[in-house]
Amino acid sequence: MRVTLRGLFFFLIFFYHLSVPSFSSIFSFNYYSFPFLLQIMTKKSLKQQGEMISDLGHIYTKRHFF
């Protein structure tokens, strides 16, 4: 299993949100990330995985920073 910078960024966000006590941020994180996480785990193409992770990153930045 290859580790990319996008993958590391995704898992940093994942563990950061697990440690945040705020219910609203945990709810929004779970609502947006778990369908993507399931699709990432079931896809076999590395290119498709990268696209899914980058889409999740765009959703994360739009929701939390803009």
PDB file of N, CA and C in Angstrom:
ATOM      1  N   MET A   1       0.856  -1.201   0.000  1.00  0.00           N
ATOM      2  CA  MET A   1       0.000   0.000   0.000  1.00  0.00           C
ATOM      3  C   MET A   1       0.883   1.238   0.000  1.00  0.00           C
ATOM      4  N   ARG A   2       0.697   2.049  -1.009  1.00  0.00           N
ATOM      5  CA  ARG A   2       1.520   3.251  -1.133  1.00  0.00           C
ATOM      6  C   ARG A   2       0.934   4.387  -0.304  1.00  0.00           C
ATOM      7  N   VAL A   3       1.804   5.165   0.321  1.00  0.00           N
ATOM      8  CA  VAL A   3       1.372   6.296   1.134  1.00  0.00           C
ATOM      9  C   VAL A   3       1.711   7.573   0.372  1.00  0.00           C
ATOM     10  N   THR A   4       0.691   8.378   0.092  1.00  0.00           N
ATOM     11  CA  THR A   4       0.898   9.638  -0.614  1.00  0.00           C
ATOM     12  C   THR A   4       0.687  10.800   0.354  1.00  0.00           C
ATOM     13  N   LEU A   5       1.090  11.980  -0.073  1.00  0.00           N
ATOM     14  CA  LEU A   5       0.886  13.165   0.758  1.00  0.00           C
ATOM     15  C   LEU A   5      -0.599  13.433   0.961  1.00  0.00           C
ATOM     16  N   ARG A   6      -1.389  13.181  -0.083  1.00  0.00           N
ATOM     17  CA  ARG A   6      -2.831  13.377   0.069  1.00  0.00           C
ATOM     18  C   ARG A   6      -3.401  12.402   1.089  1.00  0.00           C
ATOM     19  N   GLY A   7      -2.895  11.169   1.069  1.00  0.00           N
ATOM     20  CA  GLY A   7      -3.367  10.186   2.038  1.00  0.00           C
ATOM     21  C   GLY A   7      -3.014  10.574   3.462  1.00  0.00           C
ATOM     22  N   LEU A   8      -1.778  11.059   3.651  1.00  0.00           N
ATOM     23  CA  LEU A   8      -1.371  11.506   4.983  1.00  0.00           C
ATOM     24  C   LEU A   8      -2.229  12.676   5.441  1.00  0.00           C
ATOM     25  N   PHE A   9      -2.489  13.631   4.543  1.00  0.00           N
ATOM     26  CA  PHE A   9      -3.322  14.781   4.881  1.00  0.00           C
ATOM     27  C   PHE A   9      -4.720  14.331   5.304  1.00  0.00           C
ATOM     28  N   PHE A  10      -5.273  13.357   4.556  1.00  0.00           N
ATOM     29  CA  PHE A  10      -6.608  12.848   4.864  1.00  0.00           C
ATOM     30  C   PHE A  10      -6.656  12.215   6.245  1.00  0.00           C
ATOM     31  N   PHE A  11      -5.649  11.388   6.568  1.00  0.00           N
ATOM     32  CA  PHE A  11      -5.667  10.723   7.865  1.00  0.00           C
ATOM     33  C   PHE A  11      -5.368  11.685   9.009  1.00  0.00           C
ATOM     34  N   LEU A  12      -4.584  12.737   8.756  1.00  0.00           N
ATOM     35  CA  LEU A  12      -4.390  13.758   9.784  1.00  0.00           C
ATOM     36  C   LEU A  12      -5.718  14.439  10.104  1.00  0.00           C
ATOM     37  N   ILE A  13      -6.489  14.766   9.054  1.00  0.00           N
ATOM     38  CA  ILE A  13      -7.813  15.356   9.287  1.00  0.00           C
ATOM     39  C   ILE A  13      -8.692  14.381  10.059  1.00  0.00           C
ATOM     40  N   PHE A  14      -8.622  13.099   9.674  1.00  0.00           N
ATOM     41  CA  PHE A  14      -9.444  12.067  10.309  1.00  0.00           C
ATOM     42  C   PHE A  14      -9.158  11.990  11.806  1.00  0.00           C
ATOM     43  N   PHE A  15      -7.871  11.885  12.190  1.00  0.00           N
ATOM     44  CA  PHE A  15      -7.546  11.750  13.608  1.00  0.00           C
ATOM     45  C   PHE A  15      -7.755  13.055  14.360  1.00  0.00           C
ATOM     46  N   TYR A  16      -7.559  14.195  13.680  1.00  0.00           N
ATOM     47  CA  TYR A  16      -7.824  15.478  14.329  1.00  0.00           C
ATOM     48  C   TYR A  16      -9.291  15.584  14.733  1.00  0.00           C
ATOM     49  N   HIS A  17     -10.186  15.186  13.831  1.00  0.00           N
ATOM     50  CA  HIS A  17     -11.607  15.304  14.129  1.00  0.00           C
ATOM     51  C   HIS A  17     -12.058  14.291  15.168  1.00  0.00           C
ATOM     52  N   LEU A  18     -11.355  13.150  15.249  1.00  0.00           N
ATOM     53  CA  LEU A  18     -11.718  12.206  16.305  1.00  0.00           C
ATOM     54  C   LEU A  18     -11.397  12.772  17.684  1.00  0.00           C
ATOM     55  N   SER A  19     -10.410  13.677  17.752  1.00  0.00           N
ATOM     56  CA  SER A  19     -10.008  14.203  19.052  1.00  0.00           C
ATOM     57  C   SER A  19     -10.729  15.497  19.420  1.00  0.00           C
ATOM     58  N   VAL A  20     -11.492  16.066  18.502  1.00  0.00           N
ATOM     59  CA  VAL A  20     -12.198  17.321  18.783  1.00  0.00           C
ATOM     60  C   VAL A  20     -13.482  17.020  19.552  1.00  0.00           C
ATOM     61  N   PRO A  21     -13.707  17.668  20.695  1.00  0.00           N
ATOM     62  CA  PRO A  21     -14.873  17.344  21.507  1.00  0.00           C
ATOM     63  C   PRO A  21     -16.174  17.972  21.013  1.00  0.00           C
ATOM     64  N   SER A  22     -16.092  18.897  20.038  1.00  0.00           N
ATOM     65  CA  SER A  22     -17.300  19.591  19.596  1.00  0.00           C
ATOM     66  C   SER A  22     -18.213  18.640  18.823  1.00  0.00           C
ATOM     67  N   PHE A  23     -19.477  18.579  19.222  1.00  0.00           N
ATOM     68  CA  PHE A  23     -20.411  17.654  18.573  1.00  0.00           C
ATOM     69  C   PHE A  23     -20.715  18.075  17.138  1.00  0.00           C
ATOM     70  N   SER A  24     -20.785  19.382  16.892  1.00  0.00           N
ATOM     71  CA  SER A  24     -21.153  19.833  15.548  1.00  0.00           C
ATOM     72  C   SER A  24     -20.061  19.484  14.539  1.00  0.00           C
ATOM     73  N   SER A  25     -18.800  19.662  14.923  1.00  0.00           N
ATOM     74  CA  SER A  25     -17.731  19.342  13.976  1.00  0.00           C
ATOM     75  C   SER A  25     -17.635  17.834  13.757  1.00  0.00           C
ATOM     76  N   ILE A  26     -17.855  17.051  14.805  1.00  0.00           N
ATOM     77  CA  ILE A  26     -17.826  15.600  14.648  1.00  0.00           C
ATOM     78  C   ILE A  26     -18.979  15.152  13.733  1.00  0.00           C
ATOM     79  N   PHE A  27     -20.163  15.762  13.924  1.00  0.00           N
ATOM     80  CA  PHE A  27     -21.302  15.374  13.095  1.00  0.00           C
ATOM     81  C   PHE A  27     -21.058  15.714  11.629  1.00  0.00           C
ATOM     82  N   SER A  28     -20.580  16.941  11.353  1.00  0.00           N
ATOM     83  CA  SER A  28     -20.352  17.334   9.965  1.00  0.00           C
ATOM     84  C   SER A  28     -19.245  16.484   9.352  1.00  0.00           C
ATOM     85  N   PHE A  29     -18.224  16.155  10.148  1.00  0.00           N
ATOM     86  CA  PHE A  29     -17.135  15.316   9.638  1.00  0.00           C
ATOM     87  C   PHE A  29     -17.645  13.925   9.288  1.00  0.00           C
ATOM     88  N   ASN A  30     -18.441  13.336  10.190  1.00  0.00           N
ATOM     89  CA  ASN A  30     -18.961  11.990   9.924  1.00  0.00           C
ATOM     90  C   ASN A  30     -19.878  11.989   8.709  1.00  0.00           C
ATOM     91  N   TYR A  31     -20.716  13.019   8.601  1.00  0.00           N
ATOM     92  CA  TYR A  31     -21.694  13.070   7.518  1.00  0.00           C
ATOM     93  C   TYR A  31     -21.002  13.137   6.158  1.00  0.00           C
ATOM     94  N   TYR A  32     -19.908  13.896   6.071  1.00  0.00           N
ATOM     95  CA  TYR A  32     -19.259  14.067   4.778  1.00  0.00           C
ATOM     96  C   TYR A  32     -18.206  13.015   4.487  1.00  0.00           C
ATOM     97  N   SER A  33     -17.554  12.469   5.509  1.00  0.00           N
ATOM     98  CA  SER A  33     -16.363  11.669   5.220  1.00  0.00           C
ATOM     99  C   SER A  33     -16.652  10.187   5.076  1.00  0.00           C
ATOM    100  N   PHE A  34     -17.610   9.628   5.807  1.00  0.00           N
ATOM    101  CA  PHE A  34     -17.740   8.179   5.798  1.00  0.00           C
ATOM    102  C   PHE A  34     -18.191   7.598   4.455  1.00  0.00           C
ATOM    103  N   PRO A  35     -19.111   8.250   3.708  1.00  0.00           N
ATOM    104  CA  PRO A  35     -19.389   7.709   2.366  1.00  0.00           C
ATOM    105  C   PRO A  35     -18.145   7.725   1.486  1.00  0.00           C
ATOM    106  N   PHE A  36     -17.357   8.812   1.562  1.00  0.00           N
ATOM    107  CA  PHE A  36     -16.121   8.880   0.788  1.00  0.00           C
ATOM    108  C   PHE A  36     -15.126   7.826   1.264  1.00  0.00           C
ATOM    109  N   LEU A  37     -15.056   7.650   2.587  1.00  0.00           N
ATOM    110  CA  LEU A  37     -14.115   6.667   3.136  1.00  0.00           C
ATOM    111  C   LEU A  37     -14.463   5.266   2.656  1.00  0.00           C
ATOM    112  N   LEU A  38     -15.745   4.935   2.629  1.00  0.00           N
ATOM    113  CA  LEU A  38     -16.157   3.619   2.146  1.00  0.00           C
ATOM    114  C   LEU A  38     -15.816   3.450   0.671  1.00  0.00           C
ATOM    115  N   GLN A  39     -16.014   4.507  -0.124  1.00  0.00           N
ATOM    116  CA  GLN A  39     -15.702   4.407  -1.546  1.00  0.00           C
ATOM    117  C   GLN A  39     -14.205   4.296  -1.767  1.00  0.00           C
ATOM    118  N   ILE A  40     -13.405   5.026  -0.960  1.00  0.00           N
ATOM    119  CA  ILE A  40     -11.950   4.941  -1.089  1.00  0.00           C
ATOM    120  C   ILE A  40     -11.476   3.519  -0.771  1.00  0.00           C
ATOM    121  N   MET A  41     -12.056   2.905   0.277  1.00  0.00           N
ATOM    122  CA  MET A  41     -11.614   1.578   0.670  1.00  0.00           C
ATOM    123  C   MET A  41     -12.018   0.515  -0.361  1.00  0.00           C
ATOM    124  N   THR A  42     -13.122   0.745  -1.089  1.00  0.00           N
ATOM    125  CA  THR A  42     -13.588  -0.270  -2.020  1.00  0.00           C
ATOM    126  C   THR A  42     -13.022  -0.099  -3.422  1.00  0.00           C
ATOM    127  N   LYS A  43     -12.494   1.101  -3.744  1.00  0.00           N
ATOM    128  CA  LYS A  43     -11.914   1.307  -5.069  1.00  0.00           C
ATOM    129  C   LYS A  43     -10.558   0.610  -5.151  1.00  0.00           C
ATOM    130  N   LYS A  44     -10.225   0.143  -6.354  1.00  0.00           N
ATOM    131  CA  LYS A  44      -8.954  -0.548  -6.530  1.00  0.00           C
ATOM    132  C   LYS A  44      -7.920   0.295  -7.272  1.00  0.00           C
ATOM    133  N   SER A  45      -8.354   1.311  -7.993  1.00  0.00           N
ATOM    134  CA  SER A  45      -7.425   2.128  -8.765  1.00  0.00           C
ATOM    135  C   SER A  45      -6.839   3.232  -7.888  1.00  0.00           C
ATOM    136  N   LEU A  46      -5.511   3.369  -7.905  1.00  0.00           N
ATOM    137  CA  LEU A  46      -4.876   4.427  -7.118  1.00  0.00           C
ATOM    138  C   LEU A  46      -5.278   5.805  -7.631  1.00  0.00           C
ATOM    139  N   LYS A  47      -5.489   5.924  -8.939  1.00  0.00           N
ATOM    140  CA  LYS A  47      -5.904   7.214  -9.491  1.00  0.00           C
ATOM    141  C   LYS A  47      -7.274   7.599  -8.958  1.00  0.00           C
ATOM    142  N   GLN A  48      -8.195   6.638  -8.909  1.00  0.00           N
ATOM    143  CA  GLN A  48      -9.524   6.922  -8.381  1.00  0.00           C
ATOM    144  C   GLN A  48      -9.471   7.260  -6.896  1.00  0.00           C
ATOM    145  N   GLN A  49      -8.594   6.582  -6.151  1.00  0.00           N
ATOM    146  CA  GLN A  49      -8.451   6.892  -4.725  1.00  0.00           C
ATOM    147  C   GLN A  49      -7.969   8.325  -4.545  1.00  0.00           C
ATOM    148  N   GLY A  50      -6.987   8.736  -5.352  1.00  0.00           N
ATOM    149  CA  GLY A  50      -6.487  10.104  -5.260  1.00  0.00           C
ATOM    150  C   GLY A  50      -7.575  11.119  -5.571  1.00  0.00           C
ATOM    151  N   GLU A  51      -8.415  10.811  -6.563  1.00  0.00           N
ATOM    152  CA  GLU A  51      -9.496  11.731  -6.899  1.00  0.00           C
ATOM    153  C   GLU A  51     -10.516  11.822  -5.770  1.00  0.00           C
ATOM    154  N   MET A  52     -10.836  10.697  -5.149  1.00  0.00           N
ATOM    155  CA  MET A  52     -11.798  10.719  -4.049  1.00  0.00           C
ATOM    156  C   MET A  52     -11.245  11.511  -2.864  1.00  0.00           C
ATOM    157  N   ILE A  53      -9.955  11.306  -2.543  1.00  0.00           N
ATOM    158  CA  ILE A  53      -9.363  12.011  -1.411  1.00  0.00           C
ATOM    159  C   ILE A  53      -9.292  13.507  -1.689  1.00  0.00           C
ATOM    160  N   SER A  54      -8.967  13.881  -2.935  1.00  0.00           N
ATOM    161  CA  SER A  54      -8.885  15.302  -3.255  1.00  0.00           C
ATOM    162  C   SER A  54     -10.281  15.937  -3.213  1.00  0.00           C
ATOM    163  N   ASP A  55     -11.319  15.192  -3.646  1.00  0.00           N
ATOM    164  CA  ASP A  55     -12.689  15.712  -3.548  1.00  0.00           C
ATOM    165  C   ASP A  55     -13.061  15.938  -2.088  1.00  0.00           C
ATOM    166  N   LEU A  56     -12.695  15.007  -1.222  1.00  0.00           N
ATOM    167  CA  LEU A  56     -12.978  15.155   0.203  1.00  0.00           C
ATOM    168  C   LEU A  56     -12.241  16.369   0.760  1.00  0.00           C
ATOM    169  N   GLY A  57     -11.013  16.586   0.314  1.00  0.00           N
ATOM    170  CA  GLY A  57     -10.263  17.762   0.760  1.00  0.00           C
ATOM    171  C   GLY A  57     -10.936  19.052   0.345  1.00  0.00           C
ATOM    172  N   HIS A  58     -11.488  19.086  -0.872  1.00  0.00           N
ATOM    173  CA  HIS A  58     -12.182  20.292  -1.320  1.00  0.00           C
ATOM    174  C   HIS A  58     -13.428  20.548  -0.481  1.00  0.00           C
ATOM    175  N   ILE A  59     -14.174  19.499  -0.182  1.00  0.00           N
ATOM    176  CA  ILE A  59     -15.370  19.651   0.649  1.00  0.00           C
ATOM    177  C   ILE A  59     -14.974  20.139   2.042  1.00  0.00           C
ATOM    178  N   TYR A  60     -13.884  19.575   2.588  1.00  0.00           N
ATOM    179  CA  TYR A  60     -13.442  19.961   3.930  1.00  0.00           C
ATOM    180  C   TYR A  60     -13.071  21.434   3.973  1.00  0.00           C
ATOM    181  N   THR A  61     -12.274  21.890   2.992  1.00  0.00           N
ATOM    182  CA  THR A  61     -11.821  23.281   3.025  1.00  0.00           C
ATOM    183  C   THR A  61     -12.976  24.234   2.777  1.00  0.00           C
ATOM    184  N   LYS A  62     -13.904  23.883   1.897  1.00  0.00           N
ATOM    185  CA  LYS A  62     -15.048  24.768   1.655  1.00  0.00           C
ATOM    186  C   LYS A  62     -15.923  24.868   2.898  1.00  0.00           C
ATOM    187  N   ARG A  63     -16.106  23.762   3.604  1.00  0.00           N
ATOM    188  CA  ARG A  63     -17.025  23.770   4.740  1.00  0.00           C
ATOM    189  C   ARG A  63     -16.425  24.458   5.964  1.00  0.00           C
ATOM    190  N   HIS A  64     -15.120  24.306   6.165  1.00  0.00           N
ATOM    191  CA  HIS A  64     -14.539  24.763   7.430  1.00  0.00           C
ATOM    192  C   HIS A  64     -13.776  26.081   7.338  1.00  0.00           C
ATOM    193  N   PHE A  65     -13.361  26.470   6.123  1.00  0.00           N
ATOM    194  CA  PHE A  65     -12.510  27.658   6.032  1.00  0.00           C
ATOM    195  C   PHE A  65     -13.100  28.778   5.196  1.00  0.00           C
ATOM    196  N   PHE A  66     -14.107  28.494   4.359  1.00  0.00           N
ATOM    197  CA  PHE A  66     -14.629  29.550   3.480  1.00  0.00           C
ATOM    198  C   PHE A  66     -16.129  29.722   3.659  1.00  0.00           C
TER     199      PHE A  66
END
